[in-house]
Amino acid sequence: MENHQKLIDKKWMCVALELARHAEGLSEVPVGAVLVKNEERIADGWNCPISSHDPTAHAEIIVLRAGGLALNNYRLIDTTLYVTLEPCAMCMTAIVHARVKRLVFGAHDPKRGAVCNALHLAESDFLNHKVEWTGGVMEEECSVLLRNFFRRKR
């Protein structure tokens, strides 16, 4: 990946981290996400299943819903989704169905990550869209935020 793209990815991951910190302030698991198209923020969100009483209210789902409304289309063509944690199976499948072009995530999730860890949905032959992806962008910052959150909860 060229240096220019790395700088862009870091810029947007910083935004996603701020959103994750907002979630943490609401006592939600600190995951934040931002949807970008043509270098413009289309939508953003954070985890809120606890406060919304909605098990599907992961940061990625919130962003996909808001992105669809913002673009007036359920297909989020030529967008990039930045999220601080590797998406779970529910979120990764929704990302594929939304036709997100590119996914960039921070922390890997060895137990539940559905991009390249527990599952490899980004490479799945049964899905009709392939999402380009990059993992580990600002991984340390994203991981520390999650580790500290769960350490305080225990």
N, C-alpha and C. Protein backbone atom coordinates (compact mmCIF):
# COMPACT_ATOMS: atom_id res chain seq x y z
N MET A 1 0.86 -1.18 0.00
CA MET A 1 0.00 0.00 0.00
C MET A 1 0.90 1.24 0.00
N GLU A 2 0.54 2.17 -0.81
CA GLU A 2 1.35 3.38 -0.90
C GLU A 2 1.20 4.23 0.36
N ASN A 3 2.20 5.08 0.61
CA ASN A 3 2.22 5.90 1.82
C ASN A 3 1.02 6.84 1.90
N HIS A 4 0.59 7.37 0.76
CA HIS A 4 -0.57 8.28 0.76
C HIS A 4 -1.81 7.57 1.30
N GLN A 5 -2.04 6.34 0.86
CA GLN A 5 -3.20 5.58 1.34
C GLN A 5 -3.07 5.26 2.83
N LYS A 6 -1.86 4.98 3.28
CA LYS A 6 -1.64 4.71 4.71
C LYS A 6 -2.00 5.94 5.55
N LEU A 7 -1.64 7.11 5.06
CA LEU A 7 -1.97 8.35 5.78
C LEU A 7 -3.48 8.58 5.82
N ILE A 8 -4.13 8.32 4.70
CA ILE A 8 -5.59 8.46 4.65
C ILE A 8 -6.25 7.48 5.62
N ASP A 9 -5.79 6.23 5.59
CA ASP A 9 -6.35 5.22 6.49
C ASP A 9 -6.16 5.62 7.95
N LYS A 10 -5.00 6.12 8.29
CA LYS A 10 -4.74 6.54 9.67
C LYS A 10 -5.64 7.72 10.06
N LYS A 11 -5.82 8.66 9.15
CA LYS A 11 -6.68 9.82 9.41
C LYS A 11 -8.10 9.37 9.78
N TRP A 12 -8.66 8.47 8.97
CA TRP A 12 -10.04 8.04 9.22
C TRP A 12 -10.14 7.09 10.41
N MET A 13 -9.06 6.32 10.67
CA MET A 13 -9.09 5.45 11.85
C MET A 13 -9.06 6.30 13.12
N CYS A 14 -8.40 7.44 13.08
CA CYS A 14 -8.43 8.37 14.23
C CYS A 14 -9.86 8.82 14.50
N VAL A 15 -10.62 9.07 13.45
CA VAL A 15 -12.03 9.44 13.61
C VAL A 15 -12.80 8.28 14.24
N ALA A 16 -12.58 7.07 13.73
CA ALA A 16 -13.26 5.89 14.28
C ALA A 16 -12.89 5.69 15.75
N LEU A 17 -11.65 5.95 16.12
CA LEU A 17 -11.23 5.83 17.52
C LEU A 17 -11.95 6.85 18.41
N GLU A 18 -12.14 8.05 17.92
CA GLU A 18 -12.89 9.05 18.69
C GLU A 18 -14.32 8.56 18.92
N LEU A 19 -14.91 7.97 17.91
CA LEU A 19 -16.27 7.43 18.04
C LEU A 19 -16.29 6.26 19.02
N ALA A 20 -15.25 5.45 19.02
CA ALA A 20 -15.15 4.35 19.98
C ALA A 20 -15.06 4.89 21.41
N ARG A 21 -14.31 5.95 21.57
CA ARG A 21 -14.21 6.57 22.91
C ARG A 21 -15.56 7.13 23.35
N HIS A 22 -16.32 7.64 22.41
CA HIS A 22 -17.68 8.11 22.73
C HIS A 22 -18.52 6.94 23.22
N ALA A 23 -18.45 5.81 22.54
CA ALA A 23 -19.19 4.61 22.97
C ALA A 23 -18.78 4.22 24.38
N GLU A 24 -17.49 4.25 24.64
CA GLU A 24 -16.99 3.90 25.97
C GLU A 24 -17.58 4.82 27.03
N GLY A 25 -17.68 6.10 26.71
CA GLY A 25 -18.27 7.06 27.65
C GLY A 25 -19.73 6.76 27.95
N LEU A 26 -20.38 6.02 27.07
CA LEU A 26 -21.78 5.62 27.26
C LEU A 26 -21.88 4.21 27.85
N SER A 27 -20.75 3.68 28.30
CA SER A 27 -20.65 2.32 28.86
C SER A 27 -20.96 1.23 27.86
N GLU A 28 -20.73 1.53 26.60
CA GLU A 28 -20.85 0.53 25.53
C GLU A 28 -19.44 0.01 25.21
N VAL A 29 -19.36 -1.16 24.62
CA VAL A 29 -18.07 -1.68 24.17
C VAL A 29 -17.50 -0.66 23.18
N PRO A 30 -16.26 -0.20 23.39
CA PRO A 30 -15.72 0.89 22.58
C PRO A 30 -15.30 0.48 21.17
N VAL A 31 -16.28 0.49 20.28
CA VAL A 31 -16.03 0.26 18.86
C VAL A 31 -16.67 1.42 18.11
N GLY A 32 -15.90 2.02 17.22
CA GLY A 32 -16.40 3.12 16.41
C GLY A 32 -16.17 2.83 14.94
N ALA A 33 -17.02 3.44 14.10
CA ALA A 33 -16.92 3.21 12.66
C ALA A 33 -17.28 4.48 11.90
N VAL A 34 -16.65 4.63 10.74
CA VAL A 34 -16.96 5.76 9.86
C VAL A 34 -16.96 5.27 8.42
N LEU A 35 -17.95 5.73 7.66
CA LEU A 35 -18.08 5.38 6.25
C LEU A 35 -17.67 6.58 5.41
N VAL A 36 -16.78 6.33 4.44
CA VAL A 36 -16.19 7.40 3.64
C VAL A 36 -16.40 7.11 2.16
N LYS A 37 -16.71 8.16 1.41
CA LYS A 37 -16.79 8.05 -0.04
C LYS A 37 -16.15 9.30 -0.63
N ASN A 38 -15.24 9.12 -1.57
CA ASN A 38 -14.54 10.25 -2.19
C ASN A 38 -13.93 11.18 -1.15
N GLU A 39 -13.32 10.59 -0.14
CA GLU A 39 -12.67 11.32 0.95
C GLU A 39 -13.61 12.21 1.76
N GLU A 40 -14.89 11.91 1.73
CA GLU A 40 -15.87 12.64 2.55
C GLU A 40 -16.57 11.68 3.49
N ARG A 41 -16.78 12.12 4.71
CA ARG A 41 -17.50 11.31 5.68
C ARG A 41 -18.97 11.26 5.29
N ILE A 42 -19.47 10.05 5.08
CA ILE A 42 -20.87 9.84 4.72
C ILE A 42 -21.71 9.57 5.97
N ALA A 43 -21.14 8.75 6.88
CA ALA A 43 -21.88 8.38 8.09
C ALA A 43 -20.87 7.92 9.13
N ASP A 44 -21.29 7.97 10.38
CA ASP A 44 -20.47 7.42 11.45
C ASP A 44 -21.35 6.82 12.53
N GLY A 45 -20.74 6.07 13.40
CA GLY A 45 -21.49 5.44 14.47
C GLY A 45 -20.59 4.73 15.44
N TRP A 46 -21.21 4.22 16.47
CA TRP A 46 -20.49 3.51 17.53
C TRP A 46 -21.40 2.42 18.05
N ASN A 47 -20.80 1.50 18.79
CA ASN A 47 -21.59 0.43 19.38
C ASN A 47 -22.64 1.01 20.32
N CYS A 48 -23.85 0.51 20.22
CA CYS A 48 -24.90 0.95 21.15
C CYS A 48 -25.96 -0.12 21.39
N PRO A 49 -25.62 -1.41 21.41
CA PRO A 49 -26.65 -2.42 21.66
C PRO A 49 -27.23 -2.35 23.08
N ILE A 50 -26.44 -1.95 24.05
CA ILE A 50 -26.92 -1.91 25.44
C ILE A 50 -27.96 -0.80 25.59
N SER A 51 -27.60 0.41 25.19
CA SER A 51 -28.51 1.55 25.38
C SER A 51 -29.72 1.49 24.47
N SER A 52 -29.58 0.86 23.30
CA SER A 52 -30.71 0.80 22.36
C SER A 52 -31.55 -0.48 22.52
N HIS A 53 -31.08 -1.38 23.37
CA HIS A 53 -31.75 -2.68 23.56
C HIS A 53 -31.89 -3.40 22.23
N ASP A 54 -30.83 -3.30 21.42
CA ASP A 54 -30.84 -3.87 20.07
C ASP A 54 -29.55 -4.66 19.86
N PRO A 55 -29.63 -5.98 19.83
CA PRO A 55 -28.41 -6.79 19.68
C PRO A 55 -27.70 -6.57 18.34
N THR A 56 -28.36 -5.98 17.37
CA THR A 56 -27.72 -5.73 16.08
C THR A 56 -27.08 -4.34 16.00
N ALA A 57 -27.11 -3.57 17.04
CA ALA A 57 -26.63 -2.19 17.00
C ALA A 57 -25.12 -2.10 17.18
N HIS A 58 -24.40 -2.89 16.39
CA HIS A 58 -22.94 -2.77 16.34
C HIS A 58 -22.60 -1.52 15.54
N ALA A 59 -21.42 -0.99 15.75
CA ALA A 59 -20.99 0.24 15.07
C ALA A 59 -21.14 0.12 13.55
N GLU A 60 -20.76 -1.04 13.00
CA GLU A 60 -20.82 -1.21 11.55
C GLU A 60 -22.25 -1.16 11.03
N ILE A 61 -23.18 -1.78 11.75
CA ILE A 61 -24.58 -1.80 11.32
C ILE A 61 -25.16 -0.39 11.39
N ILE A 62 -24.84 0.33 12.44
CA ILE A 62 -25.30 1.72 12.58
C ILE A 62 -24.81 2.55 11.39
N VAL A 63 -23.54 2.38 11.03
CA VAL A 63 -22.95 3.14 9.92
C VAL A 63 -23.56 2.74 8.59
N LEU A 64 -23.78 1.45 8.37
CA LEU A 64 -24.37 1.02 7.10
C LEU A 64 -25.78 1.57 6.94
N ARG A 65 -26.55 1.54 8.01
CA ARG A 65 -27.92 2.09 7.95
C ARG A 65 -27.89 3.59 7.64
N ALA A 66 -27.04 4.31 8.36
CA ALA A 66 -26.94 5.76 8.14
C ALA A 66 -26.39 6.07 6.75
N GLY A 67 -25.45 5.27 6.29
CA GLY A 67 -24.88 5.46 4.96
C GLY A 67 -25.91 5.26 3.86
N GLY A 68 -26.75 4.23 4.02
CA GLY A 68 -27.82 3.99 3.05
C GLY A 68 -28.77 5.17 2.96
N LEU A 69 -29.11 5.72 4.13
CA LEU A 69 -30.00 6.89 4.14
C LEU A 69 -29.31 8.10 3.52
N ALA A 70 -28.04 8.30 3.85
CA ALA A 70 -27.32 9.47 3.33
C ALA A 70 -27.16 9.40 1.81
N LEU A 71 -26.93 8.20 1.29
CA LEU A 71 -26.72 8.05 -0.16
C LEU A 71 -28.01 7.70 -0.89
N ASN A 72 -29.09 7.54 -0.12
CA ASN A 72 -30.38 7.19 -0.70
C ASN A 72 -30.28 5.91 -1.55
N ASN A 73 -29.54 4.93 -0.99
CA ASN A 73 -29.32 3.68 -1.71
C ASN A 73 -28.87 2.61 -0.72
N TYR A 74 -29.37 1.42 -0.86
CA TYR A 74 -28.92 0.34 0.01
C TYR A 74 -27.59 -0.25 -0.45
N ARG A 75 -27.14 0.12 -1.61
CA ARG A 75 -25.83 -0.26 -2.12
C ARG A 75 -24.86 0.88 -1.85
N LEU A 76 -23.84 0.59 -1.11
CA LEU A 76 -22.87 1.61 -0.72
C LEU A 76 -21.61 1.49 -1.60
N ILE A 77 -21.84 1.61 -2.88
CA ILE A 77 -20.81 1.44 -3.91
C ILE A 77 -19.68 2.46 -3.71
N ASP A 78 -18.46 2.00 -3.92
CA ASP A 78 -17.26 2.85 -3.86
C ASP A 78 -17.06 3.54 -2.52
N THR A 79 -17.47 2.87 -1.45
CA THR A 79 -17.24 3.41 -0.12
C THR A 79 -16.15 2.62 0.59
N THR A 80 -15.59 3.25 1.62
CA THR A 80 -14.64 2.58 2.51
C THR A 80 -15.20 2.69 3.92
N LEU A 81 -15.21 1.57 4.61
CA LEU A 81 -15.68 1.51 5.99
C LEU A 81 -14.47 1.33 6.90
N TYR A 82 -14.30 2.24 7.83
CA TYR A 82 -13.24 2.18 8.83
C TYR A 82 -13.88 1.80 10.16
N VAL A 83 -13.33 0.78 10.81
CA VAL A 83 -13.87 0.34 12.10
C VAL A 83 -12.71 -0.09 12.99
N THR A 84 -12.83 0.16 14.28
CA THR A 84 -11.72 -0.05 15.20
C THR A 84 -11.49 -1.52 15.55
N LEU A 85 -12.43 -2.40 15.26
CA LEU A 85 -12.30 -3.83 15.57
C LEU A 85 -12.73 -4.65 14.37
N GLU A 86 -12.03 -5.72 14.11
CA GLU A 86 -12.40 -6.63 13.02
C GLU A 86 -13.86 -7.03 13.15
N PRO A 87 -14.66 -6.87 12.12
CA PRO A 87 -16.09 -7.17 12.19
C PRO A 87 -16.41 -8.63 12.51
N CYS A 88 -17.53 -8.80 13.19
CA CYS A 88 -18.07 -10.13 13.48
C CYS A 88 -18.78 -10.66 12.22
N ALA A 89 -19.31 -11.88 12.31
CA ALA A 89 -19.98 -12.50 11.16
C ALA A 89 -21.20 -11.70 10.70
N MET A 90 -22.00 -11.20 11.65
CA MET A 90 -23.18 -10.41 11.29
C MET A 90 -22.76 -9.16 10.52
N CYS A 91 -21.79 -8.44 11.05
CA CYS A 91 -21.37 -7.19 10.44
C CYS A 91 -20.67 -7.42 9.11
N MET A 92 -19.82 -8.42 9.04
CA MET A 92 -19.11 -8.67 7.79
C MET A 92 -20.07 -9.05 6.68
N THR A 93 -21.07 -9.84 7.00
CA THR A 93 -22.06 -10.21 5.99
C THR A 93 -22.84 -8.98 5.53
N ALA A 94 -23.20 -8.11 6.45
CA ALA A 94 -23.90 -6.88 6.08
C ALA A 94 -23.02 -5.98 5.22
N ILE A 95 -21.74 -5.91 5.52
CA ILE A 95 -20.80 -5.12 4.73
C ILE A 95 -20.75 -5.63 3.30
N VAL A 96 -20.72 -6.95 3.15
CA VAL A 96 -20.71 -7.56 1.82
C VAL A 96 -22.01 -7.25 1.08
N HIS A 97 -23.14 -7.44 1.75
CA HIS A 97 -24.44 -7.19 1.11
C HIS A 97 -24.62 -5.72 0.72
N ALA A 98 -23.99 -4.82 1.47
CA ALA A 98 -24.07 -3.39 1.15
C ALA A 98 -23.15 -3.01 0.00
N ARG A 99 -22.31 -3.92 -0.42
CA ARG A 99 -21.36 -3.70 -1.51
C ARG A 99 -20.31 -2.63 -1.18
N VAL A 100 -19.92 -2.59 0.10
CA VAL A 100 -18.82 -1.71 0.49
C VAL A 100 -17.59 -2.17 -0.30
N LYS A 101 -16.88 -1.22 -0.87
CA LYS A 101 -15.72 -1.57 -1.69
C LYS A 101 -14.53 -2.01 -0.84
N ARG A 102 -14.31 -1.27 0.25
CA ARG A 102 -13.09 -1.50 1.03
C ARG A 102 -13.39 -1.40 2.51
N LEU A 103 -12.80 -2.29 3.28
CA LEU A 103 -12.92 -2.31 4.73
C LEU A 103 -11.53 -2.12 5.32
N VAL A 104 -11.44 -1.25 6.31
CA VAL A 104 -10.19 -1.04 7.04
C VAL A 104 -10.52 -1.17 8.52
N PHE A 105 -9.83 -2.10 9.19
CA PHE A 105 -10.10 -2.24 10.63
C PHE A 105 -8.81 -2.12 11.43
N GLY A 106 -8.99 -1.82 12.71
CA GLY A 106 -7.86 -1.64 13.62
C GLY A 106 -7.43 -2.94 14.25
N ALA A 107 -8.07 -3.30 15.36
CA ALA A 107 -7.69 -4.49 16.12
C ALA A 107 -8.22 -5.76 15.47
N HIS A 108 -7.37 -6.77 15.42
CA HIS A 108 -7.81 -8.10 15.00
C HIS A 108 -8.60 -8.73 16.15
N ASP A 109 -9.57 -9.57 15.82
CA ASP A 109 -10.35 -10.28 16.84
C ASP A 109 -10.19 -11.79 16.59
N PRO A 110 -9.21 -12.39 17.26
CA PRO A 110 -8.92 -13.81 17.01
C PRO A 110 -10.08 -14.75 17.33
N LYS A 111 -10.94 -14.38 18.27
CA LYS A 111 -12.03 -15.27 18.69
C LYS A 111 -13.29 -15.13 17.85
N ARG A 112 -13.62 -13.90 17.42
CA ARG A 112 -14.88 -13.67 16.72
C ARG A 112 -14.75 -12.92 15.41
N GLY A 113 -13.55 -12.54 15.04
CA GLY A 113 -13.34 -11.79 13.80
C GLY A 113 -13.71 -12.60 12.58
N ALA A 114 -14.50 -12.01 11.70
CA ALA A 114 -15.02 -12.73 10.54
C ALA A 114 -14.40 -12.29 9.22
N VAL A 115 -13.33 -11.51 9.29
CA VAL A 115 -12.63 -11.10 8.06
C VAL A 115 -11.49 -12.07 7.78
N CYS A 116 -10.65 -12.31 8.81
CA CYS A 116 -9.45 -13.11 8.57
C CYS A 116 -9.02 -13.93 9.78
N ASN A 117 -9.85 -14.03 10.80
CA ASN A 117 -9.46 -14.77 11.99
C ASN A 117 -10.36 -15.97 12.22
N ALA A 118 -11.40 -15.85 13.04
CA ALA A 118 -12.29 -16.99 13.32
C ALA A 118 -12.97 -17.47 12.04
N LEU A 119 -13.37 -16.53 11.21
CA LEU A 119 -13.94 -16.83 9.88
C LEU A 119 -13.20 -16.00 8.84
N HIS A 120 -13.32 -16.40 7.61
CA HIS A 120 -12.66 -15.70 6.51
C HIS A 120 -13.71 -15.28 5.48
N LEU A 121 -14.70 -14.51 5.93
CA LEU A 121 -15.81 -14.15 5.04
C LEU A 121 -15.38 -13.22 3.90
N ALA A 122 -14.32 -12.48 4.08
CA ALA A 122 -13.86 -11.60 3.00
C ALA A 122 -13.43 -12.39 1.78
N GLU A 123 -13.07 -13.63 1.98
CA GLU A 123 -12.60 -14.48 0.88
C GLU A 123 -13.60 -15.58 0.52
N SER A 124 -14.77 -15.56 1.11
CA SER A 124 -15.74 -16.64 0.93
C SER A 124 -16.29 -16.73 -0.47
N ASP A 125 -16.29 -17.93 -1.02
CA ASP A 125 -16.81 -18.15 -2.37
C ASP A 125 -18.33 -18.07 -2.43
N PHE A 126 -19.02 -18.31 -1.31
CA PHE A 126 -20.48 -18.31 -1.36
C PHE A 126 -21.08 -16.91 -1.34
N LEU A 127 -20.28 -15.90 -1.05
CA LEU A 127 -20.76 -14.52 -1.08
C LEU A 127 -20.52 -13.94 -2.47
N ASN A 128 -21.45 -13.11 -2.92
CA ASN A 128 -21.40 -12.63 -4.31
C ASN A 128 -20.65 -11.30 -4.49
N HIS A 129 -19.97 -10.85 -3.46
CA HIS A 129 -19.19 -9.61 -3.55
C HIS A 129 -17.93 -9.79 -2.72
N LYS A 130 -16.82 -9.37 -3.24
CA LYS A 130 -15.55 -9.42 -2.52
C LYS A 130 -15.20 -8.03 -2.02
N VAL A 131 -14.96 -7.94 -0.74
CA VAL A 131 -14.58 -6.67 -0.11
C VAL A 131 -13.06 -6.65 0.02
N GLU A 132 -12.45 -5.61 -0.52
CA GLU A 132 -11.02 -5.41 -0.28
C GLU A 132 -10.87 -5.06 1.19
N TRP A 133 -9.80 -5.51 1.82
CA TRP A 133 -9.66 -5.18 3.24
C TRP A 133 -8.20 -5.00 3.64
N THR A 134 -8.04 -4.20 4.67
CA THR A 134 -6.75 -3.98 5.31
C THR A 134 -6.99 -4.03 6.82
N GLY A 135 -6.23 -4.84 7.51
CA GLY A 135 -6.37 -4.95 8.96
C GLY A 135 -5.13 -4.44 9.66
N GLY A 136 -5.29 -4.11 10.94
CA GLY A 136 -4.17 -3.71 11.77
C GLY A 136 -3.78 -2.25 11.68
N VAL A 137 -4.65 -1.41 11.14
CA VAL A 137 -4.36 0.03 11.08
C VAL A 137 -4.58 0.62 12.47
N MET A 138 -3.52 1.17 13.02
CA MET A 138 -3.53 1.70 14.40
C MET A 138 -3.99 0.61 15.38
N GLU A 139 -3.52 -0.60 15.12
CA GLU A 139 -3.95 -1.75 15.91
C GLU A 139 -3.68 -1.59 17.40
N GLU A 140 -2.52 -1.09 17.74
CA GLU A 140 -2.19 -0.96 19.16
C GLU A 140 -3.17 -0.04 19.88
N GLU A 141 -3.45 1.13 19.31
CA GLU A 141 -4.37 2.07 19.95
C GLU A 141 -5.77 1.46 20.09
N CYS A 142 -6.23 0.79 19.06
CA CYS A 142 -7.56 0.17 19.08
C CYS A 142 -7.61 -0.96 20.10
N SER A 143 -6.57 -1.77 20.15
CA SER A 143 -6.52 -2.91 21.08
C SER A 143 -6.46 -2.44 22.52
N VAL A 144 -5.64 -1.44 22.80
CA VAL A 144 -5.50 -0.93 24.16
C VAL A 144 -6.83 -0.40 24.68
N LEU A 145 -7.54 0.33 23.83
CA LEU A 145 -8.85 0.86 24.23
C LEU A 145 -9.79 -0.27 24.65
N LEU A 146 -9.85 -1.32 23.86
CA LEU A 146 -10.71 -2.46 24.18
C LEU A 146 -10.22 -3.21 25.42
N ARG A 147 -8.93 -3.48 25.51
CA ARG A 147 -8.39 -4.20 26.67
C ARG A 147 -8.67 -3.45 27.96
N ASN A 148 -8.41 -2.15 27.96
CA ASN A 148 -8.64 -1.35 29.17
C ASN A 148 -10.11 -1.33 29.56
N PHE A 149 -10.98 -1.25 28.58
CA PHE A 149 -12.42 -1.26 28.85
C PHE A 149 -12.81 -2.56 29.55
N PHE A 150 -12.40 -3.68 29.00
CA PHE A 150 -12.79 -4.97 29.59
C PHE A 150 -12.09 -5.23 30.92
N ARG A 151 -10.89 -4.72 31.08
CA ARG A 151 -10.18 -4.84 32.36
C ARG A 151 -10.96 -4.12 33.46
N ARG A 152 -11.49 -2.95 33.16
CA ARG A 152 -12.27 -2.19 34.14
C ARG A 152 -13.60 -2.87 34.46
N LYS A 153 -14.16 -3.59 33.49
CA LYS A 153 -15.45 -4.27 33.67
C LYS A 153 -15.32 -5.49 34.58
N ARG A 154 -14.14 -6.08 34.62
CA ARG A 154 -13.95 -7.34 35.38
C ARG A 154 -13.64 -7.09 36.82
